[in-house]
Amino acid sequence: MTEVNSKDVQPIRLVFELTRADHPRLYDDLVRFHKGTKRVNRLRVLAYDGLLAQTGVFVRTENLPQLPEVQGEPEEGSGDVTNDLFAPGLMD
């Protein structure tokens, strides 16, 4: 990437056409807003979030391993302690 001097920073103006056939999910999300500021701001948010996700700032949590929930101590006489006694071993 190239370094940009703060004196040389110019606004970027984009005009583009998006059809539903190109990107249905993006089109459906943007078409919810009427033409104008709200739609442009939504596109900015989506673009910035995409950039953060691409650079690793956002991490999807749905693919990460989940730890089992700890629900406190098992009650005496319940089968919670011994239920896993005959389960397959960790190395199987």
Protein backbone atom coordinates (compact mmCIF):
# COMPACT_ATOMS: atom_id res chain seq x y z
CA MET A 1 0.00 0.00 0.00
CA THR A 2 1.17 3.52 -0.59
CA GLU A 3 1.48 6.16 2.06
CA VAL A 4 -0.73 9.19 1.52
CA ASN A 5 0.29 12.64 2.69
CA SER A 6 -2.44 14.46 4.60
CA LYS A 7 -2.01 17.41 2.21
CA ASP A 8 -2.78 15.22 -0.82
CA VAL A 9 -5.94 13.64 0.57
CA GLN A 10 -8.84 14.20 -1.78
CA PRO A 11 -12.36 12.87 -1.33
CA ILE A 12 -13.26 9.82 -3.38
CA ARG A 13 -16.50 10.02 -5.31
CA LEU A 14 -18.01 6.74 -6.45
CA VAL A 15 -20.89 6.21 -8.81
CA PHE A 16 -21.73 2.60 -9.55
CA GLU A 17 -24.58 0.41 -10.62
CA LEU A 18 -25.52 -2.72 -8.72
CA THR A 19 -28.00 -5.28 -9.97
CA ARG A 20 -29.53 -8.02 -7.90
CA ALA A 21 -28.04 -10.60 -10.24
CA ASP A 22 -24.53 -9.38 -9.35
CA HIS A 23 -24.82 -9.62 -5.55
CA PRO A 24 -28.31 -10.57 -4.31
CA ARG A 25 -27.58 -10.28 -0.58
CA LEU A 26 -25.92 -6.88 -0.93
CA TYR A 27 -28.66 -5.64 -3.24
CA ASP A 28 -31.42 -6.79 -0.86
CA ASP A 29 -29.70 -5.10 2.06
CA LEU A 30 -29.21 -1.78 0.28
CA VAL A 31 -32.62 -1.64 -1.42
CA ARG A 32 -34.25 -1.44 2.02
CA PHE A 33 -33.17 2.19 2.15
CA HIS A 34 -34.47 4.93 -0.10
CA LYS A 35 -31.97 6.68 -2.36
CA GLY A 36 -29.75 9.04 -0.48
CA THR A 37 -27.80 9.40 2.71
CA LYS A 38 -29.06 6.32 4.56
CA ARG A 39 -28.22 3.99 1.68
CA VAL A 40 -24.79 5.56 1.23
CA ASN A 41 -24.07 5.32 4.95
CA ARG A 42 -25.11 1.66 4.98
CA LEU A 43 -22.74 0.95 2.10
CA ARG A 44 -19.95 2.74 3.98
CA VAL A 45 -20.57 0.62 7.08
CA LEU A 46 -20.61 -2.60 5.07
CA ALA A 47 -17.42 -1.64 3.23
CA TYR A 48 -15.61 -0.68 6.42
CA ASP A 49 -16.75 -3.81 8.27
CA GLY A 50 -15.59 -5.88 5.31
CA LEU A 51 -12.20 -4.19 5.43
CA LEU A 52 -11.88 -4.87 9.15
CA ALA A 53 -12.88 -8.50 8.66
CA GLN A 54 -10.41 -8.88 5.81
CA THR A 55 -7.54 -7.53 7.90
CA GLY A 56 -8.42 -9.79 10.83
CA VAL A 57 -9.84 -7.21 13.22
CA PHE A 58 -13.24 -8.95 13.18
CA VAL A 59 -13.19 -12.69 13.78
CA ARG A 60 -16.18 -14.89 13.09
CA THR A 61 -17.06 -16.70 16.29
CA GLU A 62 -19.35 -19.33 14.80
CA ASN A 63 -16.40 -21.46 13.62
CA LEU A 64 -14.47 -21.23 16.87
CA PRO A 65 -14.69 -24.17 19.29
CA GLN A 66 -17.23 -23.59 22.02
CA LEU A 67 -16.54 -24.52 25.62
CA PRO A 68 -19.29 -26.45 27.40
CA GLU A 69 -21.39 -24.40 29.78
CA VAL A 70 -20.62 -24.88 33.43
CA GLN A 71 -23.86 -25.20 35.33
CA GLY A 72 -22.47 -25.39 38.84
CA GLU A 73 -21.96 -28.40 41.06
CA PRO A 74 -24.00 -31.54 40.34
CA GLU A 75 -26.53 -32.42 43.01
CA GLU A 76 -25.84 -35.43 45.20
CA GLY A 77 -27.60 -38.49 43.88
CA SER A 78 -27.92 -37.18 40.34
CA GLY A 79 -26.33 -39.09 37.48
CA ASP A 80 -24.35 -36.07 36.25
CA VAL A 81 -21.10 -37.26 37.78
CA THR A 82 -21.17 -40.78 36.38
CA ASN A 83 -22.99 -40.27 33.06
CA ASP A 84 -19.75 -39.93 31.11
CA LEU A 85 -18.02 -42.82 32.83
CA PHE A 86 -18.56 -45.21 29.92
CA ALA A 87 -18.22 -42.59 27.15
CA PRO A 88 -15.47 -43.06 24.55
CA GLY A 89 -12.05 -41.99 25.73
CA LEU A 90 -10.39 -38.77 24.66
CA MET A 91 -7.84 -40.59 22.51
CA ASP A 92 -10.36 -42.81 20.66
